[in-house]
Amino acid sequence: MKSMRSPQRIDSWLSLALLVISMLLVALGASVGSTGFESVLRLGRDPLALQIVLDIRLPRTLGAWSAGALLGLSGALAQGLFRNPLADPYLLGSASGALLGVAVSLVLFGVSPFAAQWLVQVGLTGAAFAGAVGAVLLTLLLAKGVQQTLRLLLAGVIVGVVLGAISSLIMLMRPEVMPTLQAFILGSTGFVGWSACALMAVVWLLCMLLAWLLSPVLDGLSLGEATAVSLGLPLPQVRVLLIGVLALATGTAVAQTGMIAFVGLAAPHLVRSVCRTTHGHLIWLSSLMGGVLLMAADTLARGLMAPQELPVGVLTAVLGGGYLLWLMNRDTRIVSGAGLS
């Protein structure tokens, strides 16, 4: 009985630790800016300092956590769905599709600094959603369904590369949209406000609920496809639902913060390095870990080269790439286990 309770106890302690770290990082992120801690020190006597903290730094910090949580959730789903420890939330081309949707909307409708911020945000978010869904549908069409995992992954890579190239071509042909698209490509939380935080929070709750309900199927699938079928699990239908949740979570994060690499890949690995658990707990813990990782990276990106700001997507790519290389050198079974059936 003691051995059965032990993994659950580790899960609970890890969950509590990640929640505490998240709250500490929220306080730190709301305090740090291009001017250091100057705004916080002037909160009591300067209304402008209070506005900077409440309307810029705090929503940005919470937005970084929400985007990281969506990417961490997506990473756990992708690795469980494809039974591949190197699977990434961007596998099905949803991120490149979201970026293309943003690029097309900028060209067709334009974005002015004088436009209403909420209207611009809603339009870009809707375009990113449409692009992500379109990319996933195109991937499924090329893969002829979801039955063949390897074919699905190859189709997703092809769609992602092609759509990314089209976005780059649009940026070259229309230089006026280049600054905005560069922000999306490099990844940034600088344009996240309270409405974006609310949107990501709602989507995160929805995706978390659906992922938790579908997690027993991922547990069965981890035993092998033949075993999952023998257990009577409806694999084709559940795969479609999981891919939909994956696309929704990834598209939402990309629509608000751009292309941020390696958070979805690293978060599940860090959780597994601490504890082994079922997919229901793994998805929850990976989501918390993703939020902590991106919020810490965003705070570091703001203070590392102050007053100049480093794009958080660049920082996560450098740190995540180094972590992946270390992981592959530490355990060669990660590489050998990446083969797909």
C-alpha atoms as a PDB file:
ATOM      1  CA  MET A   1       0.000   0.000   0.000  1.00  0.00           C
ATOM      2  CA  LYS A   2       2.866   2.323   0.816  1.00  0.00           C
ATOM      3  CA  SER A   3       4.445   1.788  -2.629  1.00  0.00           C
ATOM      4  CA  MET A   4       1.111   2.524  -4.304  1.00  0.00           C
ATOM      5  CA  ARG A   5       0.711   5.806  -2.466  1.00  0.00           C
ATOM      6  CA  SER A   6       4.274   6.946  -3.067  1.00  0.00           C
ATOM      7  CA  PRO A   7       3.902   7.991  -6.752  1.00  0.00           C
ATOM      8  CA  GLN A   8       0.708   9.886  -5.909  1.00  0.00           C
ATOM      9  CA  ARG A   9       2.515  11.639  -3.067  1.00  0.00           C
ATOM     10  CA  ILE A  10       5.334  12.666  -5.425  1.00  0.00           C
ATOM     11  CA  ASP A  11       2.757  13.967  -7.937  1.00  0.00           C
ATOM     12  CA  SER A  12       1.086  16.030  -5.220  1.00  0.00           C
ATOM     13  CA  TRP A  13       4.370  17.493  -3.953  1.00  0.00           C
ATOM     14  CA  LEU A  14       5.506  18.309  -7.500  1.00  0.00           C
ATOM     15  CA  SER A  15       2.172  19.945  -8.298  1.00  0.00           C
ATOM     16  CA  LEU A  16       2.338  22.019  -5.099  1.00  0.00           C
ATOM     17  CA  ALA A  17       5.957  23.004  -5.782  1.00  0.00           C
ATOM     18  CA  LEU A  18       5.150  24.121  -9.334  1.00  0.00           C
ATOM     19  CA  LEU A  19       2.173  26.170  -8.126  1.00  0.00           C
ATOM     20  CA  VAL A  20       4.310  27.887  -5.464  1.00  0.00           C
ATOM     21  CA  ILE A  21       7.081  28.589  -7.990  1.00  0.00           C
ATOM     22  CA  SER A  22       4.462  29.979 -10.379  1.00  0.00           C
ATOM     23  CA  MET A  23       3.193  32.433  -7.768  1.00  0.00           C
ATOM     24  CA  LEU A  24       6.731  33.536  -6.926  1.00  0.00           C
ATOM     25  CA  LEU A  25       7.520  34.052 -10.613  1.00  0.00           C
ATOM     26  CA  VAL A  26       4.319  36.052 -11.082  1.00  0.00           C
ATOM     27  CA  ALA A  27       5.457  38.422  -8.333  1.00  0.00           C
ATOM     28  CA  LEU A  28       8.950  38.610  -9.820  1.00  0.00           C
ATOM     29  CA  GLY A  29       7.724  39.035 -13.400  1.00  0.00           C
ATOM     30  CA  ALA A  30       5.360  41.835 -12.409  1.00  0.00           C
ATOM     31  CA  SER A  31       8.275  43.615 -10.745  1.00  0.00           C
ATOM     32  CA  VAL A  32      10.944  43.304 -13.457  1.00  0.00           C
ATOM     33  CA  GLY A  33      11.035  45.488 -16.562  1.00  0.00           C
ATOM     34  CA  SER A  34      13.423  47.392 -18.793  1.00  0.00           C
ATOM     35  CA  THR A  35      14.077  49.758 -15.898  1.00  0.00           C
ATOM     36  CA  GLY A  36      14.628  46.994 -13.370  1.00  0.00           C
ATOM     37  CA  PHE A  37      12.588  47.315 -10.154  1.00  0.00           C
ATOM     38  CA  GLU A  38      12.179  51.083 -10.448  1.00  0.00           C
ATOM     39  CA  SER A  39       8.411  51.012 -11.116  1.00  0.00           C
ATOM     40  CA  VAL A  40       7.732  48.768  -8.130  1.00  0.00           C
ATOM     41  CA  LEU A  41       9.728  51.013  -5.828  1.00  0.00           C
ATOM     42  CA  ARG A  42       7.557  53.976  -6.914  1.00  0.00           C
ATOM     43  CA  LEU A  43       4.168  52.223  -6.659  1.00  0.00           C
ATOM     44  CA  GLY A  44       2.942  54.149  -3.623  1.00  0.00           C
ATOM     45  CA  ARG A  45       3.653  57.621  -4.969  1.00  0.00           C
ATOM     46  CA  ASP A  46       3.494  57.344  -8.768  1.00  0.00           C
ATOM     47  CA  PRO A  47       0.210  56.449 -10.553  1.00  0.00           C
ATOM     48  CA  LEU A  48       2.119  55.807 -13.775  1.00  0.00           C
ATOM     49  CA  ALA A  49       4.245  53.154 -12.073  1.00  0.00           C
ATOM     50  CA  LEU A  50       1.082  51.435 -10.831  1.00  0.00           C
ATOM     51  CA  GLN A  51      -0.359  51.487 -14.349  1.00  0.00           C
ATOM     52  CA  ILE A  52       2.848  49.973 -15.775  1.00  0.00           C
ATOM     53  CA  VAL A  53       2.713  47.105 -13.292  1.00  0.00           C
ATOM     54  CA  LEU A  54      -1.022  46.395 -13.534  1.00  0.00           C
ATOM     55  CA  ASP A  55      -1.623  46.985 -17.245  1.00  0.00           C
ATOM     56  CA  ILE A  56       1.670  45.879 -18.827  1.00  0.00           C
ATOM     57  CA  ARG A  57       3.866  43.687 -16.644  1.00  0.00           C
ATOM     58  CA  LEU A  58       1.232  41.661 -14.783  1.00  0.00           C
ATOM     59  CA  PRO A  59      -0.864  40.614 -17.840  1.00  0.00           C
ATOM     60  CA  ARG A  60       2.335  39.896 -19.743  1.00  0.00           C
ATOM     61  CA  THR A  61       3.612  37.638 -16.951  1.00  0.00           C
ATOM     62  CA  LEU A  62       0.311  35.801 -16.586  1.00  0.00           C
ATOM     63  CA  GLY A  63       0.088  35.533 -20.378  1.00  0.00           C
ATOM     64  CA  ALA A  64       3.524  33.911 -20.469  1.00  0.00           C
ATOM     65  CA  TRP A  65       2.346  31.353 -17.906  1.00  0.00           C
ATOM     66  CA  SER A  66      -0.859  30.653 -19.867  1.00  0.00           C
ATOM     67  CA  ALA A  67       0.969  30.212 -23.181  1.00  0.00           C
ATOM     68  CA  GLY A  68       3.549  27.960 -21.542  1.00  0.00           C
ATOM     69  CA  ALA A  69       0.793  25.922 -19.906  1.00  0.00           C
ATOM     70  CA  LEU A  70      -0.908  25.433 -23.283  1.00  0.00           C
ATOM     71  CA  LEU A  71       2.383  24.358 -24.881  1.00  0.00           C
ATOM     72  CA  GLY A  72       3.218  22.006 -21.992  1.00  0.00           C
ATOM     73  CA  LEU A  73      -0.213  20.408 -22.260  1.00  0.00           C
ATOM     74  CA  SER A  74       0.220  20.078 -26.026  1.00  0.00           C
ATOM     75  CA  GLY A  75       3.646  18.487 -25.600  1.00  0.00           C
ATOM     76  CA  ALA A  76       2.340  15.820 -23.231  1.00  0.00           C
ATOM     77  CA  LEU A  77      -0.523  15.070 -25.619  1.00  0.00           C
ATOM     78  CA  ALA A  78       1.776  14.874 -28.652  1.00  0.00           C
ATOM     79  CA  GLN A  79       4.252  12.544 -26.965  1.00  0.00           C
ATOM     80  CA  GLY A  80       1.485  10.282 -25.691  1.00  0.00           C
ATOM     81  CA  LEU A  81      -0.466  10.282 -28.953  1.00  0.00           C
ATOM     82  CA  PHE A  82       2.523   9.502 -31.183  1.00  0.00           C
ATOM     83  CA  ARG A  83       4.315   7.370 -28.545  1.00  0.00           C
ATOM     84  CA  ASN A  84       7.452   9.342 -29.281  1.00  0.00           C
ATOM     85  CA  PRO A  85       9.494  11.103 -26.552  1.00  0.00           C
ATOM     86  CA  LEU A  86      10.755  13.614 -29.147  1.00  0.00           C
ATOM     87  CA  ALA A  87       7.264  14.648 -30.300  1.00  0.00           C
ATOM     88  CA  ASP A  88       6.574  18.393 -30.277  1.00  0.00           C
ATOM     89  CA  PRO A  89       3.307  20.408 -30.250  1.00  0.00           C
ATOM     90  CA  TYR A  90       4.202  21.920 -33.639  1.00  0.00           C
ATOM     91  CA  LEU A  91       4.297  18.513 -35.383  1.00  0.00           C
ATOM     92  CA  LEU A  92       1.041  18.771 -37.342  1.00  0.00           C
ATOM     93  CA  GLY A  93       1.832  22.152 -38.889  1.00  0.00           C
ATOM     94  CA  SER A  94      -0.628  23.985 -36.648  1.00  0.00           C
ATOM     95  CA  ALA A  95       1.916  26.622 -35.589  1.00  0.00           C
ATOM     96  CA  SER A  96       2.969  27.363 -39.178  1.00  0.00           C
ATOM     97  CA  GLY A  97      -0.703  27.494 -40.169  1.00  0.00           C
ATOM     98  CA  ALA A  98      -1.448  29.959 -37.385  1.00  0.00           C
ATOM     99  CA  LEU A  99       1.468  32.117 -38.485  1.00  0.00           C
ATOM    100  CA  LEU A 100       0.246  32.050 -42.088  1.00  0.00           C
ATOM    101  CA  GLY A 101      -3.239  33.069 -40.946  1.00  0.00           C
ATOM    102  CA  VAL A 102      -1.775  36.063 -39.139  1.00  0.00           C
ATOM    103  CA  ALA A 103       0.325  36.989 -42.189  1.00  0.00           C
ATOM    104  CA  VAL A 104      -2.658  36.824 -44.560  1.00  0.00           C
ATOM    105  CA  SER A 105      -4.846  38.894 -42.231  1.00  0.00           C
ATOM    106  CA  LEU A 106      -2.156  41.568 -41.926  1.00  0.00           C
ATOM    107  CA  VAL A 107      -1.891  41.815 -45.717  1.00  0.00           C
ATOM    108  CA  LEU A 108      -5.638  41.813 -46.381  1.00  0.00           C
ATOM    109  CA  PHE A 109      -6.805  44.100 -43.583  1.00  0.00           C
ATOM    110  CA  GLY A 110      -3.665  45.867 -42.365  1.00  0.00           C
ATOM    111  CA  VAL A 111      -2.843  46.858 -38.819  1.00  0.00           C
ATOM    112  CA  SER A 112      -2.562  50.462 -37.741  1.00  0.00           C
ATOM    113  CA  PRO A 113      -1.105  51.695 -34.464  1.00  0.00           C
ATOM    114  CA  PHE A 114      -4.282  53.773 -34.114  1.00  0.00           C
ATOM    115  CA  ALA A 115      -6.641  50.795 -34.489  1.00  0.00           C
ATOM    116  CA  ALA A 116      -8.606  49.579 -31.476  1.00  0.00           C
ATOM    117  CA  GLN A 117      -6.346  47.092 -29.733  1.00  0.00           C
ATOM    118  CA  TRP A 118      -9.081  44.607 -28.875  1.00  0.00           C
ATOM    119  CA  LEU A 119     -10.340  44.573 -32.467  1.00  0.00           C
ATOM    120  CA  VAL A 120      -6.861  43.889 -33.833  1.00  0.00           C
ATOM    121  CA  GLN A 121      -6.320  41.153 -31.275  1.00  0.00           C
ATOM    122  CA  VAL A 122      -9.612  39.408 -31.988  1.00  0.00           C
ATOM    123  CA  GLY A 123      -8.951  39.550 -35.724  1.00  0.00           C
ATOM    124  CA  LEU A 124      -5.424  38.151 -35.443  1.00  0.00           C
ATOM    125  CA  THR A 125      -6.562  35.446 -33.040  1.00  0.00           C
ATOM    126  CA  GLY A 126      -9.381  34.374 -35.348  1.00  0.00           C
ATOM    127  CA  ALA A 127      -7.009  34.293 -38.311  1.00  0.00           C
ATOM    128  CA  ALA A 128      -4.496  32.216 -36.337  1.00  0.00           C
ATOM    129  CA  PHE A 129      -7.205  29.747 -35.337  1.00  0.00           C
ATOM    130  CA  ALA A 130      -8.374  29.405 -38.934  1.00  0.00           C
ATOM    131  CA  GLY A 131      -4.805  28.896 -40.129  1.00  0.00           C
ATOM    132  CA  ALA A 132      -4.071  26.262 -37.478  1.00  0.00           C
ATOM    133  CA  VAL A 133      -7.235  24.310 -38.234  1.00  0.00           C
ATOM    134  CA  GLY A 134      -6.597  24.539 -41.974  1.00  0.00           C
ATOM    135  CA  ALA A 135      -3.046  23.254 -41.534  1.00  0.00           C
ATOM    136  CA  VAL A 136      -4.217  20.283 -39.455  1.00  0.00           C
ATOM    137  CA  LEU A 137      -6.926  19.424 -41.993  1.00  0.00           C
ATOM    138  CA  LEU A 138      -4.353  19.595 -44.792  1.00  0.00           C
ATOM    139  CA  THR A 139      -2.043  17.326 -42.795  1.00  0.00           C
ATOM    140  CA  LEU A 140      -4.835  14.811 -42.252  1.00  0.00           C
ATOM    141  CA  LEU A 141      -5.710  14.945 -45.954  1.00  0.00           C
ATOM    142  CA  LEU A 142      -2.118  14.242 -47.011  1.00  0.00           C
ATOM    143  CA  ALA A 143      -1.762  11.498 -44.403  1.00  0.00           C
ATOM    144  CA  LYS A 144      -5.118   9.950 -45.441  1.00  0.00           C
ATOM    145  CA  GLY A 145      -6.358   9.878 -41.875  1.00  0.00           C
ATOM    146  CA  VAL A 146      -4.815   9.302 -38.474  1.00  0.00           C
ATOM    147  CA  GLN A 147      -4.234   5.556 -38.625  1.00  0.00           C
ATOM    148  CA  GLN A 148      -0.602   5.618 -39.807  1.00  0.00           C
ATOM    149  CA  THR A 149       1.427   7.574 -37.273  1.00  0.00           C
ATOM    150  CA  LEU A 150       4.628   7.849 -39.308  1.00  0.00           C
ATOM    151  CA  ARG A 151       2.744   9.076 -42.387  1.00  0.00           C
ATOM    152  CA  LEU A 152       0.914  11.617 -40.232  1.00  0.00           C
ATOM    153  CA  LEU A 153       4.159  12.978 -38.768  1.00  0.00           C
ATOM    154  CA  LEU A 154       5.835  13.241 -42.170  1.00  0.00           C
ATOM    155  CA  ALA A 155       2.795  15.046 -43.573  1.00  0.00           C
ATOM    156  CA  GLY A 156       2.861  17.449 -40.620  1.00  0.00           C
ATOM    157  CA  VAL A 157       6.531  18.255 -41.181  1.00  0.00           C
ATOM    158  CA  ILE A 158       5.930  18.884 -44.900  1.00  0.00           C
ATOM    159  CA  VAL A 159       2.908  21.112 -44.245  1.00  0.00           C
ATOM    160  CA  GLY A 160       4.804  23.070 -41.580  1.00  0.00           C
ATOM    161  CA  VAL A 161       7.784  23.713 -43.865  1.00  0.00           C
ATOM    162  CA  VAL A 162       5.636  24.740 -46.849  1.00  0.00           C
ATOM    163  CA  LEU A 163       3.361  27.050 -44.846  1.00  0.00           C
ATOM    164  CA  GLY A 164       6.360  28.590 -43.088  1.00  0.00           C
ATOM    165  CA  ALA A 165       7.951  29.286 -46.468  1.00  0.00           C
ATOM    166  CA  ILE A 166       4.741  30.946 -47.713  1.00  0.00           C
ATOM    167  CA  SER A 167       4.716  33.170 -44.608  1.00  0.00           C
ATOM    168  CA  SER A 168       8.323  34.178 -45.271  1.00  0.00           C
ATOM    169  CA  LEU A 169       7.451  34.954 -48.899  1.00  0.00           C
ATOM    170  CA  ILE A 170       4.558  37.166 -47.798  1.00  0.00           C
ATOM    171  CA  MET A 171       6.870  39.001 -45.417  1.00  0.00           C
ATOM    172  CA  LEU A 172       9.367  39.654 -48.206  1.00  0.00           C
ATOM    173  CA  MET A 173       6.676  40.833 -50.650  1.00  0.00           C
ATOM    174  CA  ARG A 174       4.972  43.127 -48.124  1.00  0.00           C
ATOM    175  CA  PRO A 175       7.680  44.812 -46.024  1.00  0.00           C
ATOM    176  CA  GLU A 176       5.103  46.823 -44.049  1.00  0.00           C
ATOM    177  CA  VAL A 177       3.994  43.671 -42.172  1.00  0.00           C
ATOM    178  CA  MET A 178       7.562  42.562 -41.476  1.00  0.00           C
ATOM    179  CA  PRO A 179       7.898  43.999 -37.916  1.00  0.00           C
ATOM    180  CA  THR A 180       4.689  42.322 -36.722  1.00  0.00           C
ATOM    181  CA  LEU A 181       5.491  39.000 -38.375  1.00  0.00           C
ATOM    182  CA  GLN A 182       9.035  39.080 -37.036  1.00  0.00           C
ATOM    183  CA  ALA A 183       7.620  39.415 -33.532  1.00  0.00           C
ATOM    184  CA  PHE A 184       5.488  36.310 -34.143  1.00  0.00           C
ATOM    185  CA  ILE A 185       8.376  34.358 -35.672  1.00  0.00           C
ATOM    186  CA  LEU A 186      10.821  35.223 -32.879  1.00  0.00           C
ATOM    187  CA  GLY A 187       8.212  34.776 -30.149  1.00  0.00           C
ATOM    188  CA  SER A 188       7.275  37.560 -27.749  1.00  0.00           C
ATOM    189  CA  THR A 189       4.895  38.192 -24.871  1.00  0.00           C
ATOM    190  CA  GLY A 190       5.222  41.955 -25.239  1.00  0.00           C
ATOM    191  CA  PHE A 191       1.818  42.369 -26.903  1.00  0.00           C
ATOM    192  CA  VAL A 192      -0.165  40.222 -24.415  1.00  0.00           C
ATOM    193  CA  GLY A 193      -2.893  42.095 -22.533  1.00  0.00           C
ATOM    194  CA  TRP A 194      -5.698  41.186 -20.154  1.00  0.00           C
ATOM    195  CA  SER A 195      -8.052  40.087 -22.938  1.00  0.00           C
ATOM    196  CA  ALA A 196      -5.402  37.721 -24.314  1.00  0.00           C
ATOM    197  CA  CYS A 197      -4.871  36.315 -20.812  1.00  0.00           C
ATOM    198  CA  ALA A 198      -8.596  35.679 -20.438  1.00  0.00           C
ATOM    199  CA  LEU A 199      -8.775  33.992 -23.844  1.00  0.00           C
ATOM    200  CA  MET A 200      -5.818  31.696 -23.132  1.00  0.00           C
ATOM    201  CA  ALA A 201      -7.187  30.852 -19.671  1.00  0.00           C
ATOM    202  CA  VAL A 202     -10.555  29.781 -21.096  1.00  0.00           C
ATOM    203  CA  VAL A 203      -8.922  27.682 -23.826  1.00  0.00           C
ATOM    204  CA  TRP A 204      -6.542  26.132 -21.294  1.00  0.00           C
ATOM    205  CA  LEU A 205      -9.418  25.080 -19.033  1.00  0.00           C
ATOM    206  CA  LEU A 206     -11.296  23.578 -21.989  1.00  0.00           C
ATOM    207  CA  CYS A 207      -8.253  21.722 -23.318  1.00  0.00           C
ATOM    208  CA  MET A 208      -7.298  20.487 -19.855  1.00  0.00           C
ATOM    209  CA  LEU A 209     -10.773  19.080 -19.288  1.00  0.00           C
ATOM    210  CA  LEU A 210     -10.844  17.304 -22.668  1.00  0.00           C
ATOM    211  CA  ALA A 211      -7.298  15.990 -22.244  1.00  0.00           C
ATOM    212  CA  TRP A 212      -8.083  14.653 -18.777  1.00  0.00           C
ATOM    213  CA  LEU A 213     -11.195  12.877 -20.066  1.00  0.00           C
ATOM    214  CA  LEU A 214      -9.198  11.301 -22.924  1.00  0.00           C
ATOM    215  CA  SER A 215      -6.108  10.445 -20.843  1.00  0.00           C
ATOM    216  CA  PRO A 216      -7.146   6.796 -20.167  1.00  0.00           C
ATOM    217  CA  VAL A 217      -6.929   6.173 -23.913  1.00  0.00           C
ATOM    218  CA  LEU A 218      -3.355   7.492 -23.911  1.00  0.00           C
ATOM    219  CA  ASP A 219      -2.560   5.100 -21.050  1.00  0.00           C
ATOM    220  CA  GLY A 220      -3.916   2.219 -23.138  1.00  0.00           C
ATOM    221  CA  LEU A 221      -2.078   3.419 -26.235  1.00  0.00           C
ATOM    222  CA  SER A 222       1.224   3.456 -24.311  1.00  0.00           C
ATOM    223  CA  LEU A 223       0.921  -0.336 -24.019  1.00  0.00           C
ATOM    224  CA  GLY A 224       0.852  -0.652 -27.800  1.00  0.00           C
ATOM    225  CA  GLU A 225      -1.763  -0.120 -30.479  1.00  0.00           C
ATOM    226  CA  ALA A 226      -2.721  -3.808 -30.616  1.00  0.00           C
ATOM    227  CA  THR A 227      -3.237  -3.855 -26.852  1.00  0.00           C
ATOM    228  CA  ALA A 228      -5.297  -0.669 -26.981  1.00  0.00           C
ATOM    229  CA  VAL A 229      -7.521  -2.148 -29.685  1.00  0.00           C
ATOM    230  CA  SER A 230      -7.931  -5.374 -27.692  1.00  0.00           C
ATOM    231  CA  LEU A 231      -9.106  -3.284 -24.747  1.00  0.00           C
ATOM    232  CA  GLY A 232     -11.913  -1.918 -26.912  1.00  0.00           C
ATOM    233  CA  LEU A 233     -10.634   1.662 -27.062  1.00  0.00           C
ATOM    234  CA  PRO A 234     -12.039   3.709 -29.986  1.00  0.00           C
ATOM    235  CA  LEU A 235      -8.644   4.778 -31.324  1.00  0.00           C
ATOM    236  CA  PRO A 236      -9.645   6.509 -34.615  1.00  0.00           C
ATOM    237  CA  GLN A 237     -12.258   8.725 -32.960  1.00  0.00           C
ATOM    238  CA  VAL A 238     -10.066   9.538 -29.966  1.00  0.00           C
ATOM    239  CA  ARG A 239      -7.089  10.357 -32.201  1.00  0.00           C
ATOM    240  CA  VAL A 240      -9.199  12.923 -34.043  1.00  0.00           C
ATOM    241  CA  LEU A 241     -10.311  14.486 -30.742  1.00  0.00           C
ATOM    242  CA  LEU A 242      -6.754  14.557 -29.375  1.00  0.00           C
ATOM    243  CA  ILE A 243      -5.444  16.138 -32.566  1.00  0.00           C
ATOM    244  CA  GLY A 244      -8.198  18.751 -32.285  1.00  0.00           C
ATOM    245  CA  VAL A 245      -7.225  19.562 -28.678  1.00  0.00           C
ATOM    246  CA  LEU A 246      -3.563  19.675 -29.701  1.00  0.00           C
ATOM    247  CA  ALA A 247      -4.291  22.086 -32.562  1.00  0.00           C
ATOM    248  CA  LEU A 248      -6.531  24.302 -30.411  1.00  0.00           C
ATOM    249  CA  ALA A 249      -3.997  24.648 -27.593  1.00  0.00           C
ATOM    250  CA  THR A 250      -1.048  25.212 -29.926  1.00  0.00           C
ATOM    251  CA  GLY A 251      -2.918  27.634 -32.184  1.00  0.00           C
ATOM    252  CA  THR A 252      -4.057  29.705 -29.209  1.00  0.00           C
ATOM    253  CA  ALA A 253      -0.542  29.990 -27.803  1.00  0.00           C
ATOM    254  CA  VAL A 254       0.942  30.918 -31.190  1.00  0.00           C
ATOM    255  CA  ALA A 255      -1.809  33.478 -31.852  1.00  0.00           C
ATOM    256  CA  GLN A 256      -0.929  35.358 -28.671  1.00  0.00           C
ATOM    257  CA  THR A 257       2.835  34.894 -28.263  1.00  0.00           C
ATOM    258  CA  GLY A 258       4.168  33.665 -31.615  1.00  0.00           C
ATOM    259  CA  MET A 259       6.486  30.727 -32.257  1.00  0.00           C
ATOM    260  CA  ILE A 260       8.089  29.682 -28.968  1.00  0.00           C
ATOM    261  CA  ALA A 261      10.174  26.530 -29.308  1.00  0.00           C
ATOM    262  CA  PHE A 262      11.069  23.646 -26.985  1.00  0.00           C
ATOM    263  CA  VAL A 263       8.716  24.484 -24.089  1.00  0.00           C
ATOM    264  CA  GLY A 264       6.260  21.794 -25.146  1.00  0.00           C
ATOM    265  CA  LEU A 265       9.083  19.327 -25.732  1.00  0.00           C
ATOM    266  CA  ALA A 266      11.006  19.942 -22.505  1.00  0.00           C
ATOM    267  CA  ALA A 267       8.106  20.197 -20.019  1.00  0.00           C
ATOM    268  CA  PRO A 268       6.981  16.512 -20.159  1.00  0.00           C
ATOM    269  CA  HIS A 269      10.612  15.332 -19.994  1.00  0.00           C
ATOM    270  CA  LEU A 270      11.272  17.393 -16.866  1.00  0.00           C
ATOM    271  CA  VAL A 271       8.147  15.959 -15.234  1.00  0.00           C
ATOM    272  CA  ARG A 272       9.142  12.385 -16.124  1.00  0.00           C
ATOM    273  CA  SER A 273      12.600  12.981 -14.664  1.00  0.00           C
ATOM    274  CA  VAL A 274      10.946  13.546 -11.283  1.00  0.00           C
ATOM    275  CA  CYS A 275       8.119  11.005 -11.327  1.00  0.00           C
ATOM    276  CA  ARG A 276       6.460   8.312 -13.409  1.00  0.00           C
ATOM    277  CA  THR A 277       2.714   8.691 -13.556  1.00  0.00           C
ATOM    278  CA  THR A 278      -0.385   8.160 -15.663  1.00  0.00           C
ATOM    279  CA  HIS A 279      -1.186  10.490 -18.548  1.00  0.00           C
ATOM    280  CA  GLY A 280      -3.913  12.259 -16.576  1.00  0.00           C
ATOM    281  CA  HIS A 281      -1.406  13.492 -14.000  1.00  0.00           C
ATOM    282  CA  LEU A 282       1.353  13.876 -16.605  1.00  0.00           C
ATOM    283  CA  ILE A 283      -0.744  16.303 -18.684  1.00  0.00           C
ATOM    284  CA  TRP A 284      -1.561  18.405 -15.603  1.00  0.00           C
ATOM    285  CA  LEU A 285       2.033  18.482 -14.354  1.00  0.00           C
ATOM    286  CA  SER A 286       3.449  19.142 -17.835  1.00  0.00           C
ATOM    287  CA  SER A 287       1.073  22.074 -18.199  1.00  0.00           C
ATOM    288  CA  LEU A 288       2.236  23.544 -14.879  1.00  0.00           C
ATOM    289  CA  MET A 289       5.863  22.912 -15.841  1.00  0.00           C
ATOM    290  CA  GLY A 290       5.367  24.614 -19.213  1.00  0.00           C
ATOM    291  CA  GLY A 291       3.894  27.660 -17.503  1.00  0.00           C
ATOM    292  CA  VAL A 292       6.840  27.867 -15.098  1.00  0.00           C
ATOM    293  CA  LEU A 293       9.395  27.442 -17.897  1.00  0.00           C
ATOM    294  CA  LEU A 294       7.984  30.137 -20.172  1.00  0.00           C
ATOM    295  CA  MET A 295       7.312  32.581 -17.349  1.00  0.00           C
ATOM    296  CA  ALA A 296      10.877  32.154 -16.068  1.00  0.00           C
ATOM    297  CA  ALA A 297      12.270  32.531 -19.602  1.00  0.00           C
ATOM    298  CA  ASP A 298      10.178  35.661 -20.206  1.00  0.00           C
ATOM    299  CA  THR A 299      11.366  37.275 -16.971  1.00  0.00           C
ATOM    300  CA  LEU A 300      14.968  36.386 -17.833  1.00  0.00           C
ATOM    301  CA  ALA A 301      14.556  37.759 -21.374  1.00  0.00           C
ATOM    302  CA  ARG A 302      13.409  41.107 -19.982  1.00  0.00           C
ATOM    303  CA  GLY A 303      16.267  41.504 -17.519  1.00  0.00           C
ATOM    304  CA  LEU A 304      19.159  39.803 -19.316  1.00  0.00           C
ATOM    305  CA  MET A 305      19.954  42.672 -21.717  1.00  0.00           C
ATOM    306  CA  ALA A 306      18.032  45.517 -20.064  1.00  0.00           C
ATOM    307  CA  PRO A 307      17.003  48.049 -21.196  1.00  0.00           C
ATOM    308  CA  GLN A 308      17.022  46.124 -24.491  1.00  0.00           C
ATOM    309  CA  GLU A 309      14.669  43.140 -24.530  1.00  0.00           C
ATOM    310  CA  LEU A 310      15.586  39.702 -25.845  1.00  0.00           C
ATOM    311  CA  PRO A 311      12.783  37.844 -27.731  1.00  0.00           C
ATOM    312  CA  VAL A 312      11.673  35.032 -25.452  1.00  0.00           C
ATOM    313  CA  GLY A 313      11.395  32.602 -28.386  1.00  0.00           C
ATOM    314  CA  VAL A 314      15.095  33.055 -29.100  1.00  0.00           C
ATOM    315  CA  LEU A 315      15.984  32.393 -25.466  1.00  0.00           C
ATOM    316  CA  THR A 316      13.833  29.239 -25.235  1.00  0.00           C
ATOM    317  CA  ALA A 317      15.315  27.969 -28.520  1.00  0.00           C
ATOM    318  CA  VAL A 318      18.877  28.364 -27.212  1.00  0.00           C
ATOM    319  CA  LEU A 319      18.172  26.895 -23.779  1.00  0.00           C
ATOM    320  CA  GLY A 320      15.834  24.207 -25.116  1.00  0.00           C
ATOM    321  CA  GLY A 321      18.261  23.153 -27.821  1.00  0.00           C
ATOM    322  CA  GLY A 322      21.040  22.802 -25.268  1.00  0.00           C
ATOM    323  CA  TYR A 323      18.749  20.805 -22.975  1.00  0.00           C
ATOM    324  CA  LEU A 324      17.755  18.474 -25.817  1.00  0.00           C
ATOM    325  CA  LEU A 325      21.401  17.838 -26.747  1.00  0.00           C
ATOM    326  CA  TRP A 326      22.215  17.077 -23.109  1.00  0.00           C
ATOM    327  CA  LEU A 327      19.203  14.774 -22.870  1.00  0.00           C
ATOM    328  CA  MET A 328      20.205  12.860 -26.001  1.00  0.00           C
ATOM    329  CA  ASN A 329      23.809  12.457 -24.807  1.00  0.00           C
ATOM    330  CA  ARG A 330      22.715  11.424 -21.321  1.00  0.00           C
ATOM    331  CA  ASP A 331      20.295   8.734 -22.431  1.00  0.00           C
ATOM    332  CA  THR A 332      20.696   7.223 -25.884  1.00  0.00           C
ATOM    333  CA  ARG A 333      17.470   5.309 -25.342  1.00  0.00           C
ATOM    334  CA  ILE A 334      15.620   8.552 -26.081  1.00  0.00           C
ATOM    335  CA  VAL A 335      16.975   8.436 -29.626  1.00  0.00           C
ATOM    336  CA  SER A 336      16.551   4.698 -30.143  1.00  0.00           C
ATOM    337  CA  GLY A 337      13.053   4.897 -28.676  1.00  0.00           C
ATOM    338  CA  ALA A 338      11.999   7.589 -31.103  1.00  0.00           C
ATOM    339  CA  GLY A 339      11.244   5.071 -33.812  1.00  0.00           C
ATOM    340  CA  LEU A 340       7.580   4.937 -34.686  1.00  0.00           C
ATOM    341  CA  SER A 341       5.395   1.957 -35.409  1.00  0.00           C
END
